[in-house]
Amino acid sequence: MKNNSAKEICERHKETIDKLAEANLEGRNGAKRSRKLKNTINTNAGYTAILQKTALCIYEVRNRLIHRGEALHILDQCSALLRDIISAAVRDTLLTWKQET
């Protein structure tokens, strides 16, 4: 994904990303997903890096829903954020392919 697309998504969904960073989400084998997202935000690692860690947090929200039947309060916000990530990634990929041909 292009950096300007990542920046736009991060700015539009800042509230959701911040909630994910505070959600104390843990992955399989104890991976600290929320903590890693918060560290990435705090170290100004870049918008693409923030979205990568955000996607892992969304995956944990999904896992809680599918495997535990637990619908977190940020589920709807995560859906909107994920939709924007996927749309931007597809759009940027198609534009890159078009420029190469």
PDB file of N, CA and C in Angstrom:
ATOM      1  N   MET A   1       0.845  -1.171   0.000  1.00  0.00           N
ATOM      2  CA  MET A   1       0.000   0.000   0.000  1.00  0.00           C
ATOM      3  C   MET A   1       0.896   1.242   0.000  1.00  0.00           C
ATOM      4  N   LYS A   2       0.460   2.236  -0.726  1.00  0.00           N
ATOM      5  CA  LYS A   2       1.215   3.480  -0.785  1.00  0.00           C
ATOM      6  C   LYS A   2       1.085   4.238   0.528  1.00  0.00           C
ATOM      7  N   ASN A   3       2.128   4.969   0.879  1.00  0.00           N
ATOM      8  CA  ASN A   3       2.160   5.665   2.158  1.00  0.00           C
ATOM      9  C   ASN A   3       1.041   6.701   2.287  1.00  0.00           C
ATOM     10  N   ASN A   4       0.713   7.403   1.203  1.00  0.00           N
ATOM     11  CA  ASN A   4      -0.350   8.402   1.303  1.00  0.00           C
ATOM     12  C   ASN A   4      -1.709   7.745   1.571  1.00  0.00           C
ATOM     13  N   SER A   5      -1.927   6.558   1.034  1.00  0.00           N
ATOM     14  CA  SER A   5      -3.172   5.818   1.323  1.00  0.00           C
ATOM     15  C   SER A   5      -3.194   5.379   2.774  1.00  0.00           C
ATOM     16  N   ALA A   6      -2.062   4.882   3.266  1.00  0.00           N
ATOM     17  CA  ALA A   6      -1.968   4.452   4.658  1.00  0.00           C
ATOM     18  C   ALA A   6      -2.199   5.631   5.608  1.00  0.00           C
ATOM     19  N   LYS A   7      -1.624   6.781   5.266  1.00  0.00           N
ATOM     20  CA  LYS A   7      -1.802   7.984   6.093  1.00  0.00           C
ATOM     21  C   LYS A   7      -3.270   8.383   6.149  1.00  0.00           C
ATOM     22  N   GLU A   8      -3.929   8.371   5.006  1.00  0.00           N
ATOM     23  CA  GLU A   8      -5.351   8.738   4.940  1.00  0.00           C
ATOM     24  C   GLU A   8      -6.206   7.822   5.811  1.00  0.00           C
ATOM     25  N   ILE A   9      -5.933   6.530   5.739  1.00  0.00           N
ATOM     26  CA  ILE A   9      -6.695   5.557   6.541  1.00  0.00           C
ATOM     27  C   ILE A   9      -6.423   5.747   8.026  1.00  0.00           C
ATOM     28  N   CYS A  10      -5.162   5.930   8.382  1.00  0.00           N
ATOM     29  CA  CYS A  10      -4.805   6.136   9.798  1.00  0.00           C
ATOM     30  C   CYS A  10      -5.481   7.380  10.366  1.00  0.00           C
ATOM     31  N   GLU A  11      -5.525   8.436   9.587  1.00  0.00           N
ATOM     32  CA  GLU A  11      -6.165   9.665  10.056  1.00  0.00           C
ATOM     33  C   GLU A  11      -7.677   9.506  10.163  1.00  0.00           C
ATOM     34  N   ARG A  12      -8.285   8.841   9.184  1.00  0.00           N
ATOM     35  CA  ARG A  12      -9.740   8.648   9.184  1.00  0.00           C
ATOM     36  C   ARG A  12     -10.190   7.741  10.327  1.00  0.00           C
ATOM     37  N   HIS A  13      -9.367   6.755  10.665  1.00  0.00           N
ATOM     38  CA  HIS A  13      -9.753   5.750  11.660  1.00  0.00           C
ATOM     39  C   HIS A  13      -8.909   5.833  12.931  1.00  0.00           C
ATOM     40  N   LYS A  14      -8.408   7.030  13.235  1.00  0.00           N
ATOM     41  CA  LYS A  14      -7.534   7.204  14.396  1.00  0.00           C
ATOM     42  C   LYS A  14      -8.171   6.691  15.685  1.00  0.00           C
ATOM     43  N   GLU A  15      -9.436   7.004  15.882  1.00  0.00           N
ATOM     44  CA  GLU A  15     -10.137   6.593  17.105  1.00  0.00           C
ATOM     45  C   GLU A  15     -10.163   5.068  17.237  1.00  0.00           C
ATOM     46  N   THR A  16     -10.468   4.380  16.166  1.00  0.00           N
ATOM     47  CA  THR A  16     -10.520   2.910  16.194  1.00  0.00           C
ATOM     48  C   THR A  16      -9.133   2.329  16.433  1.00  0.00           C
ATOM     49  N   ILE A  17      -8.133   2.874  15.771  1.00  0.00           N
ATOM     50  CA  ILE A  17      -6.763   2.384  15.945  1.00  0.00           C
ATOM     51  C   ILE A  17      -6.322   2.575  17.393  1.00  0.00           C
ATOM     52  N   ASP A  18      -6.651   3.731  17.973  1.00  0.00           N
ATOM     53  CA  ASP A  18      -6.309   3.973  19.378  1.00  0.00           C
ATOM     54  C   ASP A  18      -7.032   2.996  20.306  1.00  0.00           C
ATOM     55  N   LYS A  19      -8.285   2.698  20.001  1.00  0.00           N
ATOM     56  CA  LYS A  19      -9.030   1.726  20.817  1.00  0.00           C
ATOM     57  C   LYS A  19      -8.408   0.331  20.720  1.00  0.00           C
ATOM     58  N   LEU A  20      -7.973  -0.052  19.529  1.00  0.00           N
ATOM     59  CA  LEU A  20      -7.312  -1.346  19.360  1.00  0.00           C
ATOM     60  C   LEU A  20      -6.004  -1.395  20.141  1.00  0.00           C
ATOM     61  N   ALA A  21      -5.290  -0.280  20.167  1.00  0.00           N
ATOM     62  CA  ALA A  21      -4.021  -0.217  20.904  1.00  0.00           C
ATOM     63  C   ALA A  21      -4.244  -0.355  22.408  1.00  0.00           C
ATOM     64  N   GLU A  22      -5.424   0.031  22.871  1.00  0.00           N
ATOM     65  CA  GLU A  22      -5.749  -0.046  24.306  1.00  0.00           C
ATOM     66  C   GLU A  22      -6.560  -1.290  24.676  1.00  0.00           C
ATOM     67  N   ALA A  23      -6.897  -2.129  23.709  1.00  0.00           N
ATOM     68  CA  ALA A  23      -7.823  -3.248  23.936  1.00  0.00           C
ATOM     69  C   ALA A  23      -7.200  -4.461  24.605  1.00  0.00           C
ATOM     70  N   ASN A  24      -5.897  -4.456  24.822  1.00  0.00           N
ATOM     71  CA  ASN A  24      -5.203  -5.579  25.455  1.00  0.00           C
ATOM     72  C   ASN A  24      -5.451  -6.895  24.711  1.00  0.00           C
ATOM     73  N   LEU A  25      -5.352  -6.839  23.399  1.00  0.00           N
ATOM     74  CA  LEU A  25      -5.548  -8.028  22.573  1.00  0.00           C
ATOM     75  C   LEU A  25      -4.281  -8.864  22.553  1.00  0.00           C
ATOM     76  N   GLU A  26      -4.462 -10.131  22.759  1.00  0.00           N
ATOM     77  CA  GLU A  26      -3.342 -11.072  22.724  1.00  0.00           C
ATOM     78  C   GLU A  26      -3.628 -12.146  21.695  1.00  0.00           C
ATOM     79  N   GLY A  27      -2.607 -12.491  20.955  1.00  0.00           N
ATOM     80  CA  GLY A  27      -2.733 -13.537  19.958  1.00  0.00           C
ATOM     81  C   GLY A  27      -2.374 -14.890  20.531  1.00  0.00           C
ATOM     82  N   ARG A  28      -2.344 -15.833  19.648  1.00  0.00           N
ATOM     83  CA  ARG A  28      -1.961 -17.191  20.022  1.00  0.00           C
ATOM     84  C   ARG A  28      -0.546 -17.182  20.578  1.00  0.00           C
ATOM     85  N   ASN A  29      -0.290 -18.002  21.523  1.00  0.00           N
ATOM     86  CA  ASN A  29       1.012 -18.079  22.178  1.00  0.00           C
ATOM     87  C   ASN A  29       1.400 -16.780  22.869  1.00  0.00           C
ATOM     88  N   GLY A  30       0.410 -15.982  23.245  1.00  0.00           N
ATOM     89  CA  GLY A  30       0.662 -14.782  24.044  1.00  0.00           C
ATOM     90  C   GLY A  30       1.190 -13.573  23.304  1.00  0.00           C
ATOM     91  N   ALA A  31       1.086 -13.541  21.983  1.00  0.00           N
ATOM     92  CA  ALA A  31       1.558 -12.375  21.229  1.00  0.00           C
ATOM     93  C   ALA A  31       0.758 -11.145  21.664  1.00  0.00           C
ATOM     94  N   LYS A  32       1.435 -10.124  22.088  1.00  0.00           N
ATOM     95  CA  LYS A  32       0.816  -8.904  22.613  1.00  0.00           C
ATOM     96  C   LYS A  32       0.482  -7.952  21.461  1.00  0.00           C
ATOM     97  N   ARG A  33      -0.640  -8.184  20.809  1.00  0.00           N
ATOM     98  CA  ARG A  33      -1.004  -7.429  19.613  1.00  0.00           C
ATOM     99  C   ARG A  33      -1.247  -5.947  19.907  1.00  0.00           C
ATOM    100  N   SER A  34      -2.036  -5.652  20.931  1.00  0.00           N
ATOM    101  CA  SER A  34      -2.327  -4.255  21.258  1.00  0.00           C
ATOM    102  C   SER A  34      -1.064  -3.518  21.695  1.00  0.00           C
ATOM    103  N   ARG A  35      -0.260  -4.155  22.509  1.00  0.00           N
ATOM    104  CA  ARG A  35       0.976  -3.524  22.980  1.00  0.00           C
ATOM    105  C   ARG A  35       1.906  -3.206  21.816  1.00  0.00           C
ATOM    106  N   LYS A  36       2.023  -4.139  20.864  1.00  0.00           N
ATOM    107  CA  LYS A  36       2.888  -3.903  19.698  1.00  0.00           C
ATOM    108  C   LYS A  36       2.356  -2.758  18.841  1.00  0.00           C
ATOM    109  N   LEU A  37       1.044  -2.674  18.699  1.00  0.00           N
ATOM    110  CA  LEU A  37       0.454  -1.560  17.961  1.00  0.00           C
ATOM    111  C   LEU A  37       0.755  -0.243  18.670  1.00  0.00           C
ATOM    112  N   LYS A  38       0.561  -0.213  19.972  1.00  0.00           N
ATOM    113  CA  LYS A  38       0.820   1.011  20.736  1.00  0.00           C
ATOM    114  C   LYS A  38       2.287   1.427  20.611  1.00  0.00           C
ATOM    115  N   ASN A  39       3.203   0.471  20.690  1.00  0.00           N
ATOM    116  CA  ASN A  39       4.630   0.781  20.542  1.00  0.00           C
ATOM    117  C   ASN A  39       4.933   1.323  19.151  1.00  0.00           C
ATOM    118  N   THR A  40       4.304   0.754  18.134  1.00  0.00           N
ATOM    119  CA  THR A  40       4.511   1.220  16.761  1.00  0.00           C
ATOM    120  C   THR A  40       4.010   2.653  16.600  1.00  0.00           C
ATOM    121  N   ILE A  41       2.874   2.959  17.198  1.00  0.00           N
ATOM    122  CA  ILE A  41       2.339   4.323  17.156  1.00  0.00           C
ATOM    123  C   ILE A  41       3.279   5.281  17.882  1.00  0.00           C
ATOM    124  N   ASN A  42       3.721   4.891  19.070  1.00  0.00           N
ATOM    125  CA  ASN A  42       4.556   5.763  19.896  1.00  0.00           C
ATOM    126  C   ASN A  42       5.946   6.008  19.311  1.00  0.00           C
ATOM    127  N   THR A  43       6.440   5.086  18.504  1.00  0.00           N
ATOM    128  CA  THR A  43       7.779   5.250  17.938  1.00  0.00           C
ATOM    129  C   THR A  43       7.747   5.897  16.557  1.00  0.00           C
ATOM    130  N   ASN A  44       6.561   6.324  16.118  1.00  0.00           N
ATOM    131  CA  ASN A  44       6.415   6.962  14.798  1.00  0.00           C
ATOM    132  C   ASN A  44       7.047   6.120  13.696  1.00  0.00           C
ATOM    133  N   ALA A  45       6.730   4.838  13.683  1.00  0.00           N
ATOM    134  CA  ALA A  45       7.317   3.901  12.721  1.00  0.00           C
ATOM    135  C   ALA A  45       6.782   4.077  11.305  1.00  0.00           C
ATOM    136  N   GLY A  46       5.740   4.853  11.141  1.00  0.00           N
ATOM    137  CA  GLY A  46       5.173   5.072   9.816  1.00  0.00           C
ATOM    138  C   GLY A  46       3.774   4.504   9.710  1.00  0.00           C
ATOM    139  N   TYR A  47       3.032   5.056   8.785  1.00  0.00           N
ATOM    140  CA  TYR A  47       1.626   4.680   8.636  1.00  0.00           C
ATOM    141  C   TYR A  47       1.445   3.238   8.166  1.00  0.00           C
ATOM    142  N   THR A  48       2.303   2.788   7.287  1.00  0.00           N
ATOM    143  CA  THR A  48       2.188   1.410   6.805  1.00  0.00           C
ATOM    144  C   THR A  48       2.436   0.424   7.940  1.00  0.00           C
ATOM    145  N   ALA A  49       3.424   0.692   8.770  1.00  0.00           N
ATOM    146  CA  ALA A  49       3.714  -0.172   9.915  1.00  0.00           C
ATOM    147  C   ALA A  49       2.557  -0.171  10.902  1.00  0.00           C
ATOM    148  N   ILE A  50       1.958   0.998  11.106  1.00  0.00           N
ATOM    149  CA  ILE A  50       0.802   1.082  12.006  1.00  0.00           C
ATOM    150  C   ILE A  50      -0.345   0.231  11.470  1.00  0.00           C
ATOM    151  N   LEU A  51      -0.601   0.307  10.163  1.00  0.00           N
ATOM    152  CA  LEU A  51      -1.694  -0.485   9.593  1.00  0.00           C
ATOM    153  C   LEU A  51      -1.405  -1.983   9.638  1.00  0.00           C
ATOM    154  N   GLN A  52      -0.145  -2.371   9.518  1.00  0.00           N
ATOM    155  CA  GLN A  52       0.199  -3.793   9.635  1.00  0.00           C
ATOM    156  C   GLN A  52      -0.138  -4.304  11.035  1.00  0.00           C
ATOM    157  N   LYS A  53       0.244  -3.560  12.049  1.00  0.00           N
ATOM    158  CA  LYS A  53      -0.062  -3.966  13.436  1.00  0.00           C
ATOM    159  C   LYS A  53      -1.557  -3.867  13.713  1.00  0.00           C
ATOM    160  N   THR A  54      -2.213  -2.880  13.110  1.00  0.00           N
ATOM    161  CA  THR A  54      -3.659  -2.737  13.260  1.00  0.00           C
ATOM    162  C   THR A  54      -4.384  -3.953  12.685  1.00  0.00           C
ATOM    163  N   ALA A  55      -3.942  -4.415  11.520  1.00  0.00           N
ATOM    164  CA  ALA A  55      -4.566  -5.587  10.894  1.00  0.00           C
ATOM    165  C   ALA A  55      -4.442  -6.819  11.788  1.00  0.00           C
ATOM    166  N   LEU A  56      -3.322  -6.963  12.473  1.00  0.00           N
ATOM    167  CA  LEU A  56      -3.162  -8.093  13.398  1.00  0.00           C
ATOM    168  C   LEU A  56      -4.123  -7.973  14.584  1.00  0.00           C
ATOM    169  N   CYS A  57      -4.359  -6.749  15.038  1.00  0.00           N
ATOM    170  CA  CYS A  57      -5.343  -6.551  16.112  1.00  0.00           C
ATOM    171  C   CYS A  57      -6.747  -6.882  15.619  1.00  0.00           C
ATOM    172  N   ILE A  58      -7.077  -6.458  14.411  1.00  0.00           N
ATOM    173  CA  ILE A  58      -8.392  -6.783  13.847  1.00  0.00           C
ATOM    174  C   ILE A  58      -8.553  -8.294  13.735  1.00  0.00           C
ATOM    175  N   TYR A  59      -7.488  -8.970  13.393  1.00  0.00           N
ATOM    176  CA  TYR A  59      -7.523 -10.432  13.314  1.00  0.00           C
ATOM    177  C   TYR A  59      -7.855 -11.034  14.677  1.00  0.00           C
ATOM    178  N   GLU A  60      -7.324 -10.451  15.735  1.00  0.00           N
ATOM    179  CA  GLU A  60      -7.640 -10.951  17.077  1.00  0.00           C
ATOM    180  C   GLU A  60      -9.090 -10.662  17.458  1.00  0.00           C
ATOM    181  N   VAL A  61      -9.618  -9.527  17.019  1.00  0.00           N
ATOM    182  CA  VAL A  61     -11.037  -9.225  17.236  1.00  0.00           C
ATOM    183  C   VAL A  61     -11.883 -10.282  16.532  1.00  0.00           C
ATOM    184  N   ARG A  62     -11.487 -10.615  15.318  1.00  0.00           N
ATOM    185  CA  ARG A  62     -12.162 -11.665  14.548  1.00  0.00           C
ATOM    186  C   ARG A  62     -12.069 -13.014  15.256  1.00  0.00           C
ATOM    187  N   ASN A  63     -10.901 -13.341  15.761  1.00  0.00           N
ATOM    188  CA  ASN A  63     -10.719 -14.616  16.461  1.00  0.00           C
ATOM    189  C   ASN A  63     -11.619 -14.716  17.684  1.00  0.00           C
ATOM    190  N   ARG A  64     -11.732 -13.638  18.424  1.00  0.00           N
ATOM    191  CA  ARG A  64     -12.606 -13.663  19.603  1.00  0.00           C
ATOM    192  C   ARG A  64     -14.059 -13.901  19.205  1.00  0.00           C
ATOM    193  N   LEU A  65     -14.466 -13.310  18.096  1.00  0.00           N
ATOM    194  CA  LEU A  65     -15.839 -13.503  17.628  1.00  0.00           C
ATOM    195  C   LEU A  65     -16.054 -14.940  17.153  1.00  0.00           C
ATOM    196  N   ILE A  66     -15.186 -15.432  16.319  1.00  0.00           N
ATOM    197  CA  ILE A  66     -15.353 -16.752  15.711  1.00  0.00           C
ATOM    198  C   ILE A  66     -15.122 -17.881  16.703  1.00  0.00           C
ATOM    199  N   HIS A  67     -14.064 -17.794  17.482  1.00  0.00           N
ATOM    200  CA  HIS A  67     -13.671 -18.923  18.333  1.00  0.00           C
ATOM    201  C   HIS A  67     -14.249 -18.867  19.740  1.00  0.00           C
ATOM    202  N   ARG A  68     -14.578 -17.685  20.213  1.00  0.00           N
ATOM    203  CA  ARG A  68     -15.105 -17.558  21.578  1.00  0.00           C
ATOM    204  C   ARG A  68     -16.546 -17.068  21.621  1.00  0.00           C
ATOM    205  N   GLY A  69     -17.046 -16.597  20.484  1.00  0.00           N
ATOM    206  CA  GLY A  69     -18.392 -16.027  20.462  1.00  0.00           C
ATOM    207  C   GLY A  69     -18.474 -14.689  21.170  1.00  0.00           C
ATOM    208  N   GLU A  70     -17.338 -14.011  21.304  1.00  0.00           N
ATOM    209  CA  GLU A  70     -17.262 -12.751  22.024  1.00  0.00           C
ATOM    210  C   GLU A  70     -17.204 -11.594  21.016  1.00  0.00           C
ATOM    211  N   ALA A  71     -18.257 -10.798  20.973  1.00  0.00           N
ATOM    212  CA  ALA A  71     -18.303  -9.645  20.063  1.00  0.00           C
ATOM    213  C   ALA A  71     -17.832  -8.410  20.822  1.00  0.00           C
ATOM    214  N   LEU A  72     -16.641  -7.952  20.521  1.00  0.00           N
ATOM    215  CA  LEU A  72     -16.100  -6.774  21.191  1.00  0.00           C
ATOM    216  C   LEU A  72     -16.847  -5.522  20.748  1.00  0.00           C
ATOM    217  N   HIS A  73     -16.853  -4.505  21.595  1.00  0.00           N
ATOM    218  CA  HIS A  73     -17.585  -3.271  21.328  1.00  0.00           C
ATOM    219  C   HIS A  73     -17.065  -2.515  20.105  1.00  0.00           C
ATOM    220  N   ILE A  74     -15.883  -2.836  19.638  1.00  0.00           N
ATOM    221  CA  ILE A  74     -15.305  -2.129  18.490  1.00  0.00           C
ATOM    222  C   ILE A  74     -15.430  -2.925  17.185  1.00  0.00           C
ATOM    223  N   LEU A  75     -16.236  -3.959  17.202  1.00  0.00           N
ATOM    224  CA  LEU A  75     -16.367  -4.830  16.035  1.00  0.00           C
ATOM    225  C   LEU A  75     -16.810  -4.072  14.785  1.00  0.00           C
ATOM    226  N   ASP A  76     -17.841  -3.244  14.897  1.00  0.00           N
ATOM    227  CA  ASP A  76     -18.331  -2.498  13.732  1.00  0.00           C
ATOM    228  C   ASP A  76     -17.281  -1.519  13.215  1.00  0.00           C
ATOM    229  N   GLN A  77     -16.576  -0.865  14.125  1.00  0.00           N
ATOM    230  CA  GLN A  77     -15.523   0.064  13.714  1.00  0.00           C
ATOM    231  C   GLN A  77     -14.395  -0.682  13.014  1.00  0.00           C
ATOM    232  N   CYS A  78     -14.087  -1.885  13.493  1.00  0.00           N
ATOM    233  CA  CYS A  78     -13.041  -2.697  12.862  1.00  0.00           C
ATOM    234  C   CYS A  78     -13.444  -3.105  11.450  1.00  0.00           C
ATOM    235  N   SER A  79     -14.712  -3.393  11.263  1.00  0.00           N
ATOM    236  CA  SER A  79     -15.198  -3.766   9.928  1.00  0.00           C
ATOM    237  C   SER A  79     -15.006  -2.622   8.943  1.00  0.00           C
ATOM    238  N   ALA A  80     -15.341  -1.412   9.356  1.00  0.00           N
ATOM    239  CA  ALA A  80     -15.185  -0.245   8.482  1.00  0.00           C
ATOM    240  C   ALA A  80     -13.710   0.015   8.181  1.00  0.00           C
ATOM    241  N   LEU A  81     -12.867  -0.125   9.183  1.00  0.00           N
ATOM    242  CA  LEU A  81     -11.428   0.072   9.004  1.00  0.00           C
ATOM    243  C   LEU A  81     -10.849  -0.970   8.060  1.00  0.00           C
ATOM    244  N   LEU A  82     -11.216  -2.221   8.265  1.00  0.00           N
ATOM    245  CA  LEU A  82     -10.724  -3.296   7.405  1.00  0.00           C
ATOM    246  C   LEU A  82     -11.186  -3.105   5.960  1.00  0.00           C
ATOM    247  N   ARG A  83     -12.417  -2.677   5.773  1.00  0.00           N
ATOM    248  CA  ARG A  83     -12.933  -2.394   4.429  1.00  0.00           C
ATOM    249  C   ARG A  83     -12.064  -1.344   3.729  1.00  0.00           C
ATOM    250  N   ASP A  84     -11.705  -0.299   4.452  1.00  0.00           N
ATOM    251  CA  ASP A  84     -10.880   0.756   3.864  1.00  0.00           C
ATOM    252  C   ASP A  84      -9.466   0.274   3.568  1.00  0.00           C
ATOM    253  N   ILE A  85      -8.905  -0.558   4.434  1.00  0.00           N
ATOM    254  CA  ILE A  85      -7.565  -1.112   4.196  1.00  0.00           C
ATOM    255  C   ILE A  85      -7.560  -1.962   2.929  1.00  0.00           C
ATOM    256  N   ILE A  86      -8.543  -2.834   2.810  1.00  0.00           N
ATOM    257  CA  ILE A  86      -8.613  -3.726   1.643  1.00  0.00           C
ATOM    258  C   ILE A  86      -8.836  -2.921   0.365  1.00  0.00           C
ATOM    259  N   SER A  87      -9.743  -1.967   0.410  1.00  0.00           N
ATOM    260  CA  SER A  87     -10.012  -1.143  -0.774  1.00  0.00           C
ATOM    261  C   SER A  87      -8.769  -0.390  -1.231  1.00  0.00           C
ATOM    262  N   ALA A  88      -8.055   0.204  -0.302  1.00  0.00           N
ATOM    263  CA  ALA A  88      -6.851   0.965  -0.649  1.00  0.00           C
ATOM    264  C   ALA A  88      -5.759   0.050  -1.185  1.00  0.00           C
ATOM    265  N   ALA A  89      -5.606  -1.115  -0.575  1.00  0.00           N
ATOM    266  CA  ALA A  89      -4.576  -2.051  -1.031  1.00  0.00           C
ATOM    267  C   ALA A  89      -4.864  -2.519  -2.454  1.00  0.00           C
ATOM    268  N   VAL A  90      -6.109  -2.842  -2.736  1.00  0.00           N
ATOM    269  CA  VAL A  90      -6.476  -3.278  -4.085  1.00  0.00           C
ATOM    270  C   VAL A  90      -6.301  -2.129  -5.076  1.00  0.00           C
ATOM    271  N   ARG A  91      -6.789  -0.953  -4.724  1.00  0.00           N
ATOM    272  CA  ARG A  91      -6.665   0.215  -5.601  1.00  0.00           C
ATOM    273  C   ARG A  91      -5.200   0.521  -5.909  1.00  0.00           C
ATOM    274  N   ASP A  92      -4.361   0.556  -4.881  1.00  0.00           N
ATOM    275  CA  ASP A  92      -2.942   0.867  -5.087  1.00  0.00           C
ATOM    276  C   ASP A  92      -2.246  -0.204  -5.913  1.00  0.00           C
ATOM    277  N   THR A  93      -2.611  -1.450  -5.711  1.00  0.00           N
ATOM    278  CA  THR A  93      -2.025  -2.543  -6.496  1.00  0.00           C
ATOM    279  C   THR A  93      -2.416  -2.427  -7.959  1.00  0.00           C
ATOM    280  N   LEU A  94      -3.696  -2.172  -8.208  1.00  0.00           N
ATOM    281  CA  LEU A  94      -4.159  -2.031  -9.597  1.00  0.00           C
ATOM    282  C   LEU A  94      -3.507  -0.835 -10.285  1.00  0.00           C
ATOM    283  N   LEU A  95      -3.351   0.259  -9.573  1.00  0.00           N
ATOM    284  CA  LEU A  95      -2.696   1.428 -10.154  1.00  0.00           C
ATOM    285  C   LEU A  95      -1.232   1.133 -10.472  1.00  0.00           C
ATOM    286  N   THR A  96      -0.569   0.386  -9.609  1.00  0.00           N
ATOM    287  CA  THR A  96       0.824   0.017  -9.844  1.00  0.00           C
ATOM    288  C   THR A  96       0.935  -0.881 -11.069  1.00  0.00           C
ATOM    289  N   TRP A  97       0.046  -1.852 -11.192  1.00  0.00           N
ATOM    290  CA  TRP A  97       0.055  -2.758 -12.357  1.00  0.00           C
ATOM    291  C   TRP A  97      -0.201  -1.979 -13.644  1.00  0.00           C
ATOM    292  N   LYS A  98      -1.130  -1.040 -13.564  1.00  0.00           N
ATOM    293  CA  LYS A  98      -1.463  -0.243 -14.736  1.00  0.00           C
ATOM    294  C   LYS A  98      -0.260   0.584 -15.190  1.00  0.00           C
ATOM    295  N   GLN A  99       0.476   1.129 -14.256  1.00  0.00           N
ATOM    296  CA  GLN A  99       1.654   1.932 -14.586  1.00  0.00           C
ATOM    297  C   GLN A  99       2.776   1.082 -15.169  1.00  0.00           C
ATOM    298  N   GLU A 100       2.833  -0.184 -14.781  1.00  0.00           N
ATOM    299  CA  GLU A 100       3.891  -1.082 -15.272  1.00  0.00           C
ATOM    300  C   GLU A 100       3.626  -1.583 -16.685  1.00  0.00           C
ATOM    301  N   THR A 101       2.364  -1.537 -17.112  1.00  0.00           N
ATOM    302  CA  THR A 101       2.025  -2.056 -18.450  1.00  0.00           C
ATOM    303  C   THR A 101       1.930  -0.972 -19.474  1.00  0.00           C
TER     304      THR A 101
END
